[in-house]
Protein backbone atom coordinates (compact mmCIF):
# COMPACT_ATOMS: atom_id res chain seq x y z
CA MET A 1 0.00 0.00 0.00
CA ASN A 2 1.58 3.28 -1.10
CA SER A 3 1.74 6.46 1.02
CA THR A 4 -1.21 8.16 -0.67
CA ALA A 5 -3.43 5.13 -0.17
CA LYS A 6 -2.42 4.88 3.48
CA LEU A 7 -3.19 8.55 4.14
CA LEU A 8 -6.55 8.17 2.41
CA ALA A 9 -7.34 5.08 4.48
CA ALA A 10 -6.37 6.90 7.70
CA ALA A 11 -8.63 9.82 6.74
CA LEU A 12 -11.47 7.38 6.08
CA MET A 13 -10.94 5.81 9.52
CA GLY A 14 -11.29 9.27 11.07
CA LEU A 15 -14.40 9.99 9.02
CA PHE A 16 -15.83 6.63 10.06
CA ALA A 17 -15.18 7.39 13.73
CA PHE A 18 -17.00 10.74 13.55
CA SER A 19 -19.89 9.20 11.59
CA ALA A 20 -20.12 6.33 14.05
CA ALA A 21 -20.14 8.81 16.94
CA ALA A 22 -23.07 10.70 15.44
CA THR A 23 -24.99 7.50 14.73
CA ALA A 24 -24.28 6.10 18.18
CA GLN A 25 -25.34 9.38 19.78
CA ASN A 26 -28.73 9.20 18.05
CA ALA A 27 -29.16 5.60 19.16
CA ALA A 28 -28.07 6.49 22.72
CA ASP A 29 -30.59 9.33 22.83
CA ASP A 30 -33.33 6.91 21.80
CA GLU A 31 -32.32 4.37 24.47
CA GLY A 32 -31.47 6.91 27.19
CA LEU A 33 -27.87 5.62 27.43
CA PRO A 34 -25.19 8.25 28.28
CA PHE A 35 -22.72 8.43 25.41
CA GLY A 36 -19.38 10.14 24.82
CA THR A 37 -16.43 10.40 22.44
CA ARG A 38 -12.67 10.44 23.06
CA TYR A 39 -9.82 11.87 20.98
CA SER A 40 -6.11 11.45 21.70
CA VAL A 41 -2.68 12.25 20.26
CA GLY A 42 0.43 10.54 21.58
CA LEU A 43 4.22 10.36 21.25
CA ASP A 44 6.22 7.16 21.85
CA LYS A 45 10.01 7.55 22.19
CA LYS A 46 12.25 4.47 22.26
CA ILE A 47 15.20 5.13 24.59
CA ILE A 48 16.90 1.73 24.36
CA LYS A 49 15.63 -1.72 23.46
CA GLY A 50 12.53 -2.39 25.56
CA LEU A 51 12.48 1.05 27.24
CA HIS A 52 9.90 3.58 26.03
CA VAL A 53 8.74 7.01 27.18
CA GLU A 54 5.22 8.06 26.20
CA LEU A 55 3.32 11.35 26.21
CA GLU A 56 -0.39 11.65 25.45
CA GLU A 57 -3.10 14.30 25.41
CA GLU A 58 -6.71 13.10 25.47
CA ALA A 59 -10.01 14.97 25.32
CA ARG A 60 -13.15 13.25 26.60
CA LEU A 61 -16.54 14.56 25.57
CA VAL A 62 -20.04 13.69 26.79
CA ASP A 63 -23.39 14.13 25.06
CA GLY A 64 -21.71 12.72 21.96
CA VAL A 65 -19.45 15.45 20.55
CA SER A 66 -21.14 18.49 22.12
CA THR A 67 -19.74 18.91 25.67
CA LEU A 68 -16.14 18.75 26.88
CA ASP A 69 -15.96 16.67 30.06
CA LYS A 70 -12.30 15.98 30.88
CA LEU A 71 -8.77 16.57 29.60
CA TYR A 72 -6.01 14.06 30.38
CA THR A 73 -2.30 14.89 30.04
CA THR A 74 -0.26 11.74 30.63
CA ALA A 75 3.46 10.95 30.82
CA ALA A 76 4.52 7.32 31.22
CA VAL A 77 7.51 5.02 30.99
CA SER A 78 7.49 1.29 30.24
CA TYR A 79 10.13 -1.43 30.11
CA LYS A 80 9.82 -4.85 28.52
CA VAL A 81 11.73 -7.09 30.89
CA CYS A 82 11.41 -10.13 28.61
CA PRO A 83 9.08 -11.28 25.80
CA TYR A 84 6.49 -12.25 28.42
CA LEU A 85 6.65 -9.40 30.93
CA LYS A 86 6.41 -5.60 30.86
CA VAL A 87 6.36 -3.07 33.71
CA GLY A 88 5.40 0.59 33.64
CA ALA A 89 4.55 3.71 35.62
CA GLY A 90 3.16 7.13 34.86
CA TYR A 91 1.40 10.32 35.87
CA SER A 92 -1.78 12.01 34.59
CA ALA A 93 -2.95 15.56 35.16
CA ILE A 94 -6.75 15.51 34.86
CA SER A 95 -8.91 18.58 34.45
CA ALA A 96 -12.63 17.91 34.82
CA ARG A 97 -15.12 20.49 33.57
CA ARG A 98 -17.80 21.37 36.13
CA MET A 99 -20.74 23.77 36.13
CA ASN A 100 -21.38 25.64 39.39
CA GLU A 101 -24.47 27.87 39.27
CA ASP A 102 -24.05 28.36 35.49
CA VAL A 103 -20.34 29.16 35.94
CA MET A 104 -17.83 26.77 34.39
CA THR A 105 -14.93 25.70 36.60
CA TRP A 106 -12.16 23.11 36.36
CA ASP A 107 -11.74 20.39 38.97
CA TRP A 108 -8.08 19.34 38.91
CA ARG A 109 -6.90 15.87 39.86
CA HIS A 110 -3.47 14.23 39.94
CA ARG A 111 -3.11 10.52 39.21
CA GLY A 112 -0.12 8.26 39.60
CA PHE A 113 -0.11 4.66 38.43
CA ALA A 114 2.10 1.58 38.19
CA ASP A 115 1.40 -1.60 36.29
CA ILE A 116 2.72 -5.00 35.36
CA THR A 117 1.66 -6.88 32.22
CA GLY A 118 2.11 -10.54 31.37
CA MET A 119 1.72 -11.56 27.73
CA ILE A 120 1.96 -14.54 25.41
CA LYS A 121 2.02 -14.73 21.60
CA GLU A 122 0.97 -17.60 19.37
CA GLY A 123 1.19 -16.92 15.65
CA GLY A 124 -0.69 -13.70 15.02
CA TRP A 125 -2.52 -13.95 18.35
CA LYS A 126 -1.50 -12.02 21.44
CA PHE A 127 -3.01 -12.40 24.91
CA SER A 128 -2.19 -10.16 27.85
CA LEU A 129 -3.18 -9.59 31.46
CA ARG A 130 -2.41 -6.22 33.03
CA GLU A 131 -2.65 -5.29 36.70
CA ARG A 132 -2.58 -1.55 37.39
CA PHE A 133 -2.60 0.21 40.75
CA GLN A 134 -3.57 3.87 40.67
CA ALA A 135 -3.96 6.71 43.15
CA THR A 136 -6.01 9.81 42.23
CA TYR A 137 -5.74 12.95 44.36
CA ARG A 138 -8.52 15.56 44.20
CA THR A 139 -7.30 19.13 44.66
CA ARG A 140 -10.74 20.22 45.85
CA GLU A 141 -11.44 19.45 49.47
CA VAL A 142 -13.89 16.59 49.99
CA SER A 143 -15.54 15.08 53.04
CA VAL A 144 -13.74 11.87 53.97
CA TRP A 145 -17.04 10.70 55.42
CA GLU A 146 -18.35 10.59 51.85
CA LYS A 147 -15.29 9.84 49.66
CA PRO A 148 -11.49 9.72 49.94
CA GLN A 149 -9.32 12.73 49.12
CA THR A 150 -7.01 10.28 47.37
CA ALA A 151 -8.91 7.42 45.73
CA LEU A 152 -7.08 4.10 45.40
CA ALA A 153 -8.05 1.55 42.76
CA LEU A 154 -6.82 -1.69 41.22
CA LYS A 155 -7.61 -2.29 37.55
CA SER A 156 -7.29 -5.76 36.01
CA ARG A 157 -7.49 -6.00 32.21
CA PHE A 158 -7.49 -9.07 29.96
CA LYS A 159 -6.91 -8.35 26.27
CA ALA A 160 -6.82 -10.50 23.14
CA SER A 161 -5.69 -9.27 19.70
CA TYR A 162 -4.71 -10.60 16.30
CA MET A 163 -2.09 -8.99 14.04
CA PHE A 164 -2.44 -9.11 10.27
CA LYS A 165 1.22 -8.45 9.44
CA ARG A 166 0.81 -7.60 5.77
CA SER A 167 -1.75 -4.87 6.37
CA GLY A 168 -0.63 -3.78 9.86
CA LEU A 169 -4.19 -4.17 11.13
CA GLU A 170 -4.71 -5.44 14.67
CA PRO A 171 -8.30 -5.92 15.90
CA TYR A 172 -8.68 -6.51 19.62
CA ALA A 173 -11.15 -7.02 22.45
CA SER A 174 -10.65 -6.53 26.17
CA ILE A 175 -12.46 -6.60 29.48
CA GLU A 176 -11.37 -4.63 32.54
CA HIS A 177 -12.40 -4.86 36.19
CA ARG A 178 -11.84 -1.83 38.47
CA LEU A 179 -11.80 -2.39 42.22
CA MET A 180 -12.30 0.56 44.57
CA LEU A 181 -9.93 0.03 47.52
CA ASN A 182 -10.72 2.81 50.00
CA GLY A 183 -14.31 3.97 49.75
CA ALA A 184 -16.04 5.59 52.73
CA LYS A 185 -17.57 2.83 54.84
CA TRP A 186 -20.47 3.07 57.30
CA ASP A 187 -21.99 0.29 59.39
CA GLU A 188 -25.03 -1.82 58.42
CA LEU A 189 -27.52 0.77 59.73
CA SER A 190 -26.47 3.22 56.98
CA THR A 191 -28.95 1.76 54.46
CA ASP A 192 -31.83 1.50 56.93
CA GLU A 193 -34.30 4.29 56.18
CA ALA A 194 -35.59 4.27 59.77
CA ASN A 195 -32.25 4.09 61.60
CA PHE A 196 -29.59 5.53 59.26
CA ARG A 197 -28.98 8.50 61.60
CA LYS A 198 -27.65 6.05 64.18
CA SER A 199 -25.12 4.66 61.72
CA GLU A 200 -21.43 4.91 62.64
CA TYR A 201 -18.61 5.83 60.29
CA ILE A 202 -16.04 3.03 60.06
CA GLY A 203 -13.38 4.66 57.85
CA LEU A 204 -12.01 4.59 54.32
CA LYS A 205 -12.23 0.81 54.23
CA ASP A 206 -14.94 -0.01 51.70
CA VAL A 207 -13.74 -2.31 48.89
CA TYR A 208 -16.06 -3.00 45.98
CA THR A 209 -16.23 -3.33 42.19
CA ASN A 210 -17.14 0.08 40.83
CA ARG A 211 -16.65 -0.48 37.09
CA LEU A 212 -16.63 -3.30 34.56
CA ARG A 213 -15.54 -2.22 31.06
CA SER A 214 -15.84 -4.06 27.75
CA GLN A 215 -13.87 -2.64 24.82
CA PHE A 216 -13.26 -3.56 21.21
CA GLY A 217 -11.16 -1.76 18.64
CA LEU A 218 -8.89 -1.74 15.65
CA LYS A 219 -5.28 -0.52 15.64
CA TRP A 220 -3.54 0.15 12.34
CA GLU A 221 0.21 0.54 12.08
CA ILE A 222 0.41 2.73 8.98
CA SER A 223 4.21 2.70 9.17
CA LYS A 224 6.96 2.20 11.74
CA LYS A 225 6.31 5.72 13.01
CA ASN A 226 2.57 6.22 12.57
CA ALA A 227 -0.39 4.34 14.04
CA VAL A 228 -4.09 5.09 14.44
CA GLU A 229 -6.71 3.36 16.57
CA ILE A 230 -10.49 3.42 16.70
CA TYR A 231 -12.46 1.74 19.47
CA GLY A 232 -15.76 1.46 21.27
CA LEU A 233 -16.31 0.83 24.97
CA TYR A 234 -19.18 0.03 27.30
CA ASP A 235 -19.03 0.62 31.07
CA ASN A 236 -21.16 -0.87 33.81
CA ILE A 237 -20.64 1.44 36.81
CA THR A 238 -21.45 1.01 40.49
CA SER A 239 -21.31 4.04 42.81
CA LYS A 240 -22.36 4.70 46.39
CA ASN A 241 -24.30 7.85 47.26
CA ILE A 242 -23.31 9.14 50.69
CA ASP A 243 -24.61 12.43 52.09
CA SER A 244 -23.25 13.37 55.53
CA LYS A 245 -22.99 16.48 57.65
CA LYS A 246 -19.87 18.56 57.09
CA SER A 247 -19.21 19.20 60.78
CA LYS A 248 -19.36 15.60 62.03
CA PRO A 249 -19.72 12.03 60.79
CA GLN A 250 -23.50 11.80 60.73
CA LEU A 251 -25.60 10.80 57.75
CA LYS A 252 -28.29 13.14 56.41
CA LEU A 253 -29.75 10.46 54.12
CA PRO A 254 -29.50 6.67 53.88
CA VAL A 255 -26.56 5.33 51.87
CA THR A 256 -27.70 4.03 48.48
CA THR A 257 -25.96 2.09 45.72
CA GLU A 258 -26.48 3.25 42.15
CA HIS A 259 -25.89 1.26 38.97
CA SER A 260 -25.42 3.04 35.63
CA ASN A 261 -24.07 2.41 32.14
CA PHE A 262 -21.97 4.48 29.75
CA ALA A 263 -20.78 4.01 26.17
CA ALA A 264 -18.13 5.82 24.10
CA ILE A 265 -16.34 5.76 20.77
CA GLY A 266 -12.75 6.94 20.48
CA ILE A 267 -9.99 7.59 17.96
CA GLY A 268 -6.30 8.08 18.64
CA TYR A 269 -3.06 8.75 16.79
CA THR A 270 0.46 7.81 17.93
CA PHE A 271 3.79 8.94 16.49
CA SER A 272 6.74 6.70 17.38
CA PHE A 273 10.38 7.60 17.00
């Protein structure tokens, strides 16, 4: 495939992603499913064999393509210890758009993460399991009786892909489990509508699954330096609604658990050198 054909194909992938986003948004509106889009640009620098430094900027939109929700600026380093094992660590600066009485503000968060990935290859197939620990610090003050100032989570992702070497196309599918490690925990009376005010705060000790993500996508290595990726994801989210007094650990309402879903389509570009 010559350079002109590759550029045309890449442009068509971008056009497809935008068209798919619009179509999915209409379908989501009909079904009442929250829907978003994601766009990213990244740099991947090889330092020595197996050692890479990566930079990425990502914009996340909600309501399809109409409302900016978050911006992620990420720097990471990874090292392939052997053909079957890779380790990595990184930092993300996250700015979340928030509306406060019709005034837009930015809620800044700082996230550090470390991960280890085991992988095996068989022919064109590749299977991997990644374990990632992350800590996310909110710059805005929060009530520890409702949520942690620094949220800790463990994300476990299994991914399967197949590489078509001649074309550089690599379709994949993955599933990821996110475990909340330090949610605000109250005793068993907290969910009792008659006795929740007598509930006692236990501490930041609640551990529960708060997201299960399914994702499928297609990565295309246009050349040794250029790659594009389009993907779709579906999240099943569990959150706990806790409303307590600011002055002391006393609930104002019973603690409830909420289940919600979210879907998104994304496109990304990476330049490697």
